[in-house]
Protein backbone atom coordinates (compact mmCIF):
# COMPACT_ATOMS: atom_id res chain seq x y z
CA UNK A 1 -9.74 83.84 17.54
CA UNK A 2 -7.25 85.69 19.29
CA UNK A 3 -5.62 85.35 22.86
CA UNK A 4 -7.52 87.58 25.56
CA UNK A 5 -5.56 90.20 25.99
CA UNK A 6 -4.16 90.30 30.73
CA UNK A 7 -3.39 93.56 32.03
CA UNK A 8 -0.04 93.19 34.20
CA UNK A 9 -0.52 94.40 37.52
CA UNK A 10 1.78 93.38 41.35
CA UNK A 11 0.88 91.89 44.60
CA UNK A 12 1.47 94.53 47.42
CA UNK A 13 1.24 93.61 50.88
CA UNK A 14 -0.97 95.48 53.67
CA UNK A 15 2.44 97.31 53.99
CA UNK A 16 2.72 98.43 49.99
CA UNK A 17 6.08 96.08 49.28
CA UNK A 18 6.38 94.65 46.11
CA UNK A 19 7.46 91.70 46.33
CA UNK A 20 8.16 90.94 42.15
CA UNK A 21 9.00 94.68 41.43
CA UNK A 22 11.13 94.55 44.29
CA UNK A 23 12.78 91.10 42.62
CA UNK A 24 12.87 92.43 38.79
CA UNK A 25 14.89 95.84 39.91
CA UNK A 26 17.69 93.63 41.70
CA UNK A 27 18.17 91.77 38.21
CA UNK A 28 20.90 92.80 36.00
CA UNK A 29 19.53 94.62 33.21
CA UNK A 30 19.43 92.16 30.41
CA UNK A 31 18.10 89.58 33.18
CA UNK A 32 15.02 92.42 33.64
CA UNK A 33 14.51 92.88 30.03
CA UNK A 34 14.11 89.29 29.83
CA UNK A 35 11.70 88.49 32.50
CA UNK A 36 10.18 91.72 31.26
CA UNK A 37 9.79 90.56 27.78
CA UNK A 38 7.96 86.84 28.68
CA UNK A 39 5.56 89.13 31.12
CA UNK A 40 4.75 91.53 27.96
CA UNK A 41 3.91 88.14 26.41
CA UNK A 42 1.60 86.90 28.72
CA UNK A 43 -0.05 90.00 28.77
CA UNK A 44 -0.34 89.92 24.42
CA UNK A 45 -1.23 86.39 24.07
CA UNK A 46 -3.05 84.92 27.76
CA UNK A 47 -2.12 81.80 29.30
CA UNK A 48 -1.96 80.03 25.91
CA UNK A 49 2.32 80.76 25.76
CA UNK A 50 4.23 77.03 24.90
CA UNK A 51 5.03 75.22 27.80
CA UNK A 52 8.69 76.43 27.39
CA UNK A 53 7.32 80.14 28.65
CA UNK A 54 4.45 79.33 30.74
CA UNK A 55 3.41 76.36 33.36
CA UNK A 56 -0.17 75.66 35.11
CA UNK A 57 1.10 74.54 38.50
CA UNK A 58 -1.38 74.27 41.72
CA UNK A 59 -4.62 76.20 42.12
CA UNK A 60 -4.72 79.32 40.36
CA UNK A 61 -1.07 79.77 40.05
CA UNK A 62 0.90 80.09 36.96
CA UNK A 63 4.51 80.28 36.61
CA UNK A 64 6.17 82.60 33.70
CA UNK A 65 9.84 80.81 32.42
CA UNK A 66 12.91 83.44 31.59
CA UNK A 67 16.21 82.57 31.31
CA UNK A 68 18.90 84.95 30.61
CA UNK A 69 22.86 84.10 30.48
CA UNK A 70 22.69 80.65 32.51
CA UNK A 71 20.07 81.90 34.97
CA UNK A 72 16.19 80.75 35.13
CA UNK A 73 14.33 82.63 36.79
CA UNK A 74 10.61 81.65 38.26
CA UNK A 75 7.42 84.81 37.99
CA UNK A 76 4.58 83.19 39.72
CA UNK A 77 0.93 84.75 39.04
CA UNK A 78 -2.60 84.26 39.26
CA UNK A 79 -5.31 85.57 36.97
CA UNK A 80 -9.05 87.11 37.79
CA UNK A 81 -11.17 89.41 36.11
CA UNK A 82 -8.87 90.14 32.71
CA UNK A 83 -5.64 90.75 35.31
CA UNK A 84 -2.39 88.99 36.01
CA UNK A 85 -1.57 89.33 39.31
CA UNK A 86 1.94 88.55 39.68
CA UNK A 87 2.95 87.61 43.18
CA UNK A 88 6.13 85.73 43.94
CA UNK A 89 9.33 85.55 41.90
CA UNK A 90 12.93 83.66 42.39
CA UNK A 91 15.87 82.59 41.26
CA UNK A 92 15.40 78.51 40.02
CA UNK A 93 17.59 76.75 41.91
CA UNK A 94 16.18 77.65 45.05
CA UNK A 95 12.72 77.41 44.12
CA UNK A 96 10.73 75.22 46.64
CA UNK A 97 7.46 74.09 47.21
CA UNK A 98 7.56 76.71 49.69
CA UNK A 99 7.22 79.42 46.33
CA UNK A 100 4.14 77.82 45.28
CA UNK A 101 2.55 77.53 48.47
CA UNK A 102 3.27 81.66 48.79
CA UNK A 103 2.47 82.52 45.51
CA UNK A 104 -1.03 80.88 46.02
CA UNK A 105 -1.76 82.68 49.61
CA UNK A 106 -0.61 86.28 48.03
CA UNK A 107 -3.09 85.86 44.92
CA UNK A 108 -5.89 84.58 47.78
CA UNK A 109 -5.30 87.79 50.00
CA UNK A 110 -5.63 89.61 46.32
CA UNK A 111 -8.84 88.23 45.57
CA UNK A 112 -10.06 88.82 48.97
CA UNK A 113 -9.59 92.42 48.67
């Protein structure tokens, strides 16, 4: 049985900023392409990717785990109604528990829209 396809969406703040999209735009082109490839894998294969690509965190939050040029990135998302909502992104060298808390808060905001 094929995994259910997830549609990619980006969280937007009340002011209209899209933090994950802005994070991705600030990356070097090659790193941005690698992150996009991982996001596309999630879109097409859902949550059935191996742990080297995808990890379940606390609450509703998952992380996509791309790496490029010795840099590890974490793209946090939750799923609802067939959509993967990307809510936060970091360079792993600075990942903290507060990143996961922020991701969960943003996803909770999305759910009540």
